[in-house]
């Protein structure tokens, strides 16, 4: 699945799927909870009045990371189905 929605990603990963975010980060059972916790922390910091900068602009390197991550995920899936 491809999504930037971390709560959705956590639900999908819980079902055994991989998630790729638009910036090329692969979320799996090992790191999705950490990503969700960081999102929640940022939300709490903003709610308390602390300024946060947000992500940097999306660029060429992000597209490359996404394409590479998607390729890795598709390779994993092909290996699973070929077994």
Protein backbone atom coordinates (compact mmCIF):
# COMPACT_ATOMS: atom_id res chain seq x y z
CA UNK A 1 0.00 0.00 0.00
CA UNK A 2 1.12 3.57 -0.64
CA UNK A 3 -0.01 6.17 1.88
CA UNK A 4 1.14 9.07 4.03
CA UNK A 5 -1.62 8.32 6.55
CA UNK A 6 0.26 6.79 9.50
CA UNK A 7 -2.78 5.48 11.44
CA UNK A 8 -3.94 3.73 8.27
CA UNK A 9 -0.42 2.43 7.68
CA UNK A 10 -0.34 0.99 11.21
CA UNK A 11 -3.63 -0.85 10.61
CA UNK A 12 -2.43 -2.24 7.28
CA UNK A 13 0.94 -3.31 8.68
CA UNK A 14 -0.89 -5.06 11.53
CA UNK A 15 -2.60 -7.16 8.84
CA UNK A 16 0.80 -8.22 7.47
CA UNK A 17 1.23 -5.76 4.60
CA UNK A 18 4.03 -3.37 3.75
CA UNK A 19 3.47 0.35 3.31
CA UNK A 20 5.51 2.84 1.31
CA UNK A 21 5.08 6.52 2.10
CA UNK A 22 5.38 9.15 -0.65
CA UNK A 23 8.94 9.97 0.40
CA UNK A 24 10.12 6.38 0.01
CA UNK A 25 10.08 5.16 3.60
CA UNK A 26 8.99 1.54 3.91
CA UNK A 27 6.83 1.00 6.97
CA UNK A 28 6.65 -2.49 8.43
CA UNK A 29 6.09 -4.20 11.77
CA UNK A 30 9.52 -3.04 12.95
CA UNK A 31 9.10 0.71 12.45
CA UNK A 32 5.46 1.70 11.96
CA UNK A 33 4.78 2.17 15.68
CA UNK A 34 7.79 4.48 16.01
CA UNK A 35 6.56 6.57 13.08
CA UNK A 36 3.10 6.76 14.63
CA UNK A 37 4.55 7.76 18.00
CA UNK A 38 6.60 10.55 16.39
CA UNK A 39 3.49 11.79 14.59
CA UNK A 40 1.56 11.84 17.86
CA UNK A 41 4.39 13.68 19.61
CA UNK A 42 4.47 16.34 16.90
CA UNK A 43 0.70 16.74 17.22
CA UNK A 44 1.02 17.22 20.97
CA UNK A 45 3.84 19.76 20.54
CA UNK A 46 1.77 21.78 18.07
CA UNK A 47 -1.26 21.62 20.38
CA UNK A 48 0.83 22.97 23.25
CA UNK A 49 1.85 25.97 21.15
CA UNK A 50 5.36 24.96 20.14
CA UNK A 51 6.07 25.75 16.50
CA UNK A 52 7.03 22.84 14.26
CA UNK A 53 8.56 23.19 10.83
CA UNK A 54 6.89 20.33 8.95
CA UNK A 55 8.52 18.29 6.24
CA UNK A 56 10.88 19.82 3.68
CA UNK A 57 9.56 20.37 0.13
CA UNK A 58 9.12 17.25 -1.98
CA UNK A 59 11.94 16.97 -4.48
CA UNK A 60 13.79 14.81 -6.99
CA UNK A 61 15.55 12.75 -4.31
CA UNK A 62 12.19 11.99 -2.69
CA UNK A 63 10.89 10.67 -6.03
CA UNK A 64 14.00 8.52 -6.41
CA UNK A 65 13.68 7.13 -2.86
CA UNK A 66 10.01 6.39 -3.51
CA UNK A 67 10.75 4.58 -6.77
CA UNK A 68 13.50 2.53 -5.13
CA UNK A 69 11.33 1.67 -2.11
CA UNK A 70 8.44 0.64 -4.34
CA UNK A 71 10.79 -1.56 -6.36
CA UNK A 72 12.06 -3.23 -3.16
CA UNK A 73 8.50 -3.88 -1.98
CA UNK A 74 7.46 -5.35 -5.32
CA UNK A 75 10.55 -7.58 -5.28
CA UNK A 76 9.64 -8.81 -1.78
CA UNK A 77 6.10 -9.57 -2.92
CA UNK A 78 7.32 -11.40 -6.01
CA UNK A 79 9.60 -13.56 -3.86
CA UNK A 80 6.76 -14.35 -1.46
CA UNK A 81 4.37 -15.38 -4.20
CA UNK A 82 7.06 -17.37 -6.00
CA UNK A 83 7.82 -19.48 -2.93
